[in-house]
N, C-alpha and C. Protein backbone atom coordinates (compact mmCIF):
# COMPACT_ATOMS: atom_id res chain seq x y z
N MET A 1 -72.64 -15.22 61.97
CA MET A 1 -72.14 -14.54 60.80
C MET A 1 -72.83 -13.17 60.74
N SER A 2 -72.06 -12.15 60.58
CA SER A 2 -72.67 -10.82 60.54
C SER A 2 -73.21 -10.52 59.15
N GLU A 3 -74.28 -9.77 59.15
CA GLU A 3 -74.87 -9.37 57.88
C GLU A 3 -74.19 -8.10 57.40
N GLU A 4 -73.82 -8.06 56.14
CA GLU A 4 -73.18 -6.88 55.59
C GLU A 4 -74.16 -6.16 54.68
N LYS A 5 -74.34 -4.89 54.94
CA LYS A 5 -75.27 -4.09 54.15
C LYS A 5 -74.59 -3.62 52.86
N ILE A 6 -75.40 -3.35 51.87
CA ILE A 6 -74.89 -2.87 50.59
C ILE A 6 -74.47 -1.42 50.76
N SER A 7 -73.20 -1.15 50.49
CA SER A 7 -72.70 0.21 50.71
C SER A 7 -72.28 0.88 49.41
N ASN A 8 -72.16 0.12 48.34
CA ASN A 8 -71.79 0.72 47.05
C ASN A 8 -72.36 -0.12 45.92
N THR A 9 -71.97 0.18 44.73
CA THR A 9 -72.53 -0.55 43.58
C THR A 9 -71.61 -1.66 43.11
N ASN A 10 -70.61 -2.03 43.89
CA ASN A 10 -69.67 -3.09 43.51
C ASN A 10 -70.20 -4.45 43.98
N TYR A 11 -71.18 -4.98 43.25
CA TYR A 11 -71.76 -6.26 43.62
C TYR A 11 -72.15 -7.02 42.36
N SER A 12 -72.42 -8.30 42.53
CA SER A 12 -72.91 -9.16 41.46
C SER A 12 -74.30 -9.64 41.84
N ILE A 13 -75.02 -10.14 40.88
CA ILE A 13 -76.31 -10.78 41.15
C ILE A 13 -76.11 -12.28 41.06
N ILE A 14 -76.47 -12.97 42.14
CA ILE A 14 -76.49 -14.43 42.12
C ILE A 14 -77.91 -14.86 42.47
N TYR A 15 -78.20 -16.12 42.28
CA TYR A 15 -79.56 -16.63 42.52
C TYR A 15 -79.55 -17.61 43.68
N VAL A 16 -80.45 -17.37 44.65
CA VAL A 16 -80.57 -18.21 45.84
C VAL A 16 -81.87 -19.00 45.74
N PRO A 17 -81.81 -20.33 45.85
CA PRO A 17 -83.04 -21.13 45.83
C PRO A 17 -83.93 -20.79 47.03
N LEU A 18 -85.24 -20.81 46.78
CA LEU A 18 -86.22 -20.62 47.84
C LEU A 18 -86.78 -21.99 48.22
N LEU A 19 -87.09 -22.13 49.49
CA LEU A 19 -87.65 -23.39 50.00
C LEU A 19 -89.16 -23.24 50.17
N ASN A 20 -89.85 -24.36 50.19
CA ASN A 20 -91.28 -24.43 50.50
C ASN A 20 -92.15 -23.62 49.54
N GLU A 21 -91.77 -23.61 48.27
CA GLU A 21 -92.54 -22.86 47.26
C GLU A 21 -93.41 -23.77 46.41
N GLY A 22 -93.24 -25.08 46.51
CA GLY A 22 -94.04 -26.00 45.71
C GLY A 22 -93.46 -26.27 44.34
N THR A 23 -92.51 -25.47 43.92
CA THR A 23 -91.80 -25.64 42.64
C THR A 23 -90.43 -25.00 42.80
N ASP A 24 -89.53 -25.25 41.86
CA ASP A 24 -88.20 -24.65 41.94
C ASP A 24 -88.29 -23.15 41.66
N VAL A 25 -87.91 -22.36 42.66
CA VAL A 25 -87.94 -20.90 42.54
C VAL A 25 -86.61 -20.37 43.07
N MET A 26 -86.08 -19.35 42.40
CA MET A 26 -84.85 -18.73 42.86
C MET A 26 -85.03 -17.22 42.94
N ARG A 27 -84.39 -16.62 43.91
CA ARG A 27 -84.43 -15.17 44.14
C ARG A 27 -83.11 -14.56 43.69
N PRO A 28 -83.15 -13.54 42.82
CA PRO A 28 -81.91 -12.81 42.50
C PRO A 28 -81.49 -11.99 43.72
N VAL A 29 -80.22 -12.09 44.09
CA VAL A 29 -79.71 -11.46 45.30
C VAL A 29 -78.40 -10.75 44.99
N LYS A 30 -78.20 -9.58 45.56
CA LYS A 30 -76.93 -8.87 45.43
C LYS A 30 -75.90 -9.55 46.32
N ALA A 31 -74.69 -9.73 45.76
CA ALA A 31 -73.65 -10.44 46.51
C ALA A 31 -72.27 -9.86 46.18
N GLU A 32 -71.39 -9.94 47.16
CA GLU A 32 -70.01 -9.47 47.02
C GLU A 32 -69.12 -10.66 46.71
N ALA A 33 -68.29 -10.56 45.67
CA ALA A 33 -67.36 -11.63 45.33
C ALA A 33 -66.26 -11.70 46.38
N ILE A 34 -66.02 -12.89 46.90
CA ILE A 34 -64.94 -13.13 47.85
C ILE A 34 -63.73 -13.67 47.08
N ASN A 35 -63.95 -14.67 46.27
CA ASN A 35 -62.97 -15.19 45.32
C ASN A 35 -63.73 -15.96 44.25
N LEU A 36 -63.04 -16.69 43.43
CA LEU A 36 -63.67 -17.38 42.31
C LEU A 36 -64.81 -18.27 42.79
N ASP A 37 -66.02 -17.97 42.38
CA ASP A 37 -67.23 -18.74 42.67
C ASP A 37 -67.66 -18.71 44.14
N VAL A 38 -67.10 -17.82 44.96
CA VAL A 38 -67.52 -17.69 46.36
C VAL A 38 -67.99 -16.25 46.58
N TYR A 39 -69.19 -16.12 47.15
CA TYR A 39 -69.83 -14.81 47.31
C TYR A 39 -70.43 -14.67 48.70
N ARG A 40 -70.51 -13.43 49.19
CA ARG A 40 -71.23 -13.12 50.43
C ARG A 40 -72.56 -12.47 50.03
N LEU A 41 -73.66 -13.04 50.51
CA LEU A 41 -74.98 -12.47 50.23
C LEU A 41 -75.13 -11.18 51.01
N LEU A 42 -75.45 -10.11 50.32
CA LEU A 42 -75.58 -8.80 50.96
C LEU A 42 -77.00 -8.55 51.43
N VAL A 43 -77.13 -7.72 52.43
CA VAL A 43 -78.44 -7.35 52.97
C VAL A 43 -78.97 -6.19 52.14
N ASP A 44 -80.13 -6.37 51.56
CA ASP A 44 -80.76 -5.33 50.75
C ASP A 44 -82.17 -5.13 51.31
N PRO A 45 -82.49 -3.91 51.77
CA PRO A 45 -83.83 -3.68 52.34
C PRO A 45 -84.96 -4.00 51.37
N GLU A 46 -84.67 -4.05 50.08
CA GLU A 46 -85.71 -4.35 49.09
C GLU A 46 -85.96 -5.85 48.96
N ASP A 47 -85.05 -6.70 49.47
CA ASP A 47 -85.27 -8.14 49.42
C ASP A 47 -86.38 -8.53 50.38
N ASP A 48 -87.01 -9.65 50.10
CA ASP A 48 -88.12 -10.11 50.93
C ASP A 48 -87.71 -11.34 51.74
N SER A 49 -86.46 -11.32 52.26
CA SER A 49 -85.94 -12.51 52.95
C SER A 49 -86.70 -12.86 54.22
N GLU A 50 -87.38 -11.89 54.83
CA GLU A 50 -88.15 -12.19 56.04
C GLU A 50 -89.45 -12.92 55.72
N ASN A 51 -89.97 -12.77 54.50
CA ASN A 51 -91.22 -13.42 54.11
C ASN A 51 -91.01 -14.62 53.19
N GLU A 52 -89.76 -14.89 52.86
CA GLU A 52 -89.42 -16.03 52.01
C GLU A 52 -88.45 -16.92 52.77
N ASP A 53 -88.47 -18.20 52.46
CA ASP A 53 -87.58 -19.15 53.10
C ASP A 53 -86.40 -19.42 52.17
N TRP A 54 -85.33 -18.59 52.33
CA TRP A 54 -84.14 -18.71 51.49
C TRP A 54 -83.32 -19.92 51.94
N LEU A 55 -82.72 -20.62 50.98
CA LEU A 55 -81.83 -21.73 51.31
C LEU A 55 -80.64 -21.22 52.13
N PHE A 56 -80.14 -20.02 51.80
CA PHE A 56 -79.04 -19.39 52.54
C PHE A 56 -79.47 -17.97 52.90
N PRO A 57 -79.41 -17.58 54.17
CA PRO A 57 -79.87 -16.24 54.57
C PRO A 57 -78.88 -15.14 54.20
N PRO A 58 -79.34 -13.89 54.17
CA PRO A 58 -78.44 -12.76 53.92
C PRO A 58 -77.25 -12.81 54.90
N GLY A 59 -76.08 -12.47 54.41
CA GLY A 59 -74.86 -12.52 55.20
C GLY A 59 -74.08 -13.81 55.03
N SER A 60 -74.72 -14.85 54.47
CA SER A 60 -74.05 -16.13 54.26
C SER A 60 -72.97 -16.01 53.19
N ILE A 61 -71.95 -16.83 53.33
CA ILE A 61 -70.93 -16.96 52.29
C ILE A 61 -71.20 -18.28 51.60
N VAL A 62 -71.38 -18.22 50.27
CA VAL A 62 -71.82 -19.40 49.52
C VAL A 62 -70.92 -19.66 48.31
N HIS A 63 -70.86 -20.92 47.95
CA HIS A 63 -70.19 -21.33 46.71
C HIS A 63 -71.25 -21.36 45.62
N CYS A 64 -70.94 -20.76 44.48
CA CYS A 64 -71.88 -20.70 43.36
C CYS A 64 -71.38 -21.51 42.18
N GLU A 65 -72.32 -21.99 41.40
CA GLU A 65 -72.00 -22.70 40.16
C GLU A 65 -72.77 -22.05 39.03
N PRO A 66 -72.13 -21.89 37.87
CA PRO A 66 -72.82 -21.30 36.72
C PRO A 66 -73.80 -22.30 36.11
N GLU A 67 -74.95 -21.80 35.67
CA GLU A 67 -75.93 -22.61 34.94
C GLU A 67 -76.48 -21.77 33.81
N HIS A 68 -76.79 -22.44 32.72
CA HIS A 68 -77.38 -21.75 31.57
C HIS A 68 -78.90 -21.86 31.67
N ARG A 69 -79.55 -20.70 31.70
CA ARG A 69 -81.02 -20.64 31.79
C ARG A 69 -81.52 -19.54 30.88
N SER A 70 -82.49 -19.85 30.09
CA SER A 70 -83.12 -18.88 29.18
C SER A 70 -82.08 -18.15 28.33
N GLY A 71 -81.08 -18.87 27.88
CA GLY A 71 -80.09 -18.29 26.98
C GLY A 71 -79.00 -17.47 27.63
N GLU A 72 -78.95 -17.45 28.97
CA GLU A 72 -77.88 -16.71 29.64
C GLU A 72 -77.27 -17.57 30.74
N CYS A 73 -76.05 -17.22 31.11
CA CYS A 73 -75.35 -17.94 32.17
C CYS A 73 -75.55 -17.16 33.47
N ILE A 74 -76.08 -17.84 34.50
CA ILE A 74 -76.29 -17.20 35.80
C ILE A 74 -75.55 -18.00 36.87
N LEU A 75 -75.26 -17.35 37.99
CA LEU A 75 -74.62 -18.02 39.12
C LEU A 75 -75.68 -18.39 40.14
N ILE A 76 -75.66 -19.67 40.57
CA ILE A 76 -76.63 -20.16 41.53
C ILE A 76 -75.91 -20.58 42.79
N ALA A 77 -76.37 -20.11 43.94
CA ALA A 77 -75.80 -20.48 45.24
C ALA A 77 -76.10 -21.95 45.47
N LYS A 78 -75.06 -22.75 45.66
CA LYS A 78 -75.22 -24.19 45.81
C LYS A 78 -74.93 -24.72 47.19
N LYS A 79 -73.92 -24.14 47.88
CA LYS A 79 -73.61 -24.64 49.21
C LYS A 79 -72.96 -23.56 50.06
N LEU A 80 -73.14 -23.71 51.36
CA LEU A 80 -72.59 -22.79 52.34
C LEU A 80 -71.10 -23.04 52.48
N VAL A 81 -70.32 -21.97 52.54
CA VAL A 81 -68.88 -22.06 52.76
C VAL A 81 -68.63 -21.82 54.24
N LYS A 82 -67.89 -22.71 54.87
CA LYS A 82 -67.64 -22.57 56.31
C LYS A 82 -66.40 -21.79 56.57
């Protein structure tokens, strides 16, 4: 899967779970909407994906589900789309 770099400001923020953190941790990630609840994780040089163990790496296409956290609704990457 090729990694797509961020080329404009037309993106959403979704949350990707991190692995091996000892507790539930999620990273906010810029992503391009493909269709309803499906997003492509964009490559952002400011992300720390090389030093963190993301459940889905940059460039992945993922299915997201909304969750309510701290009084707001956020999209969380739940599974890889093939």
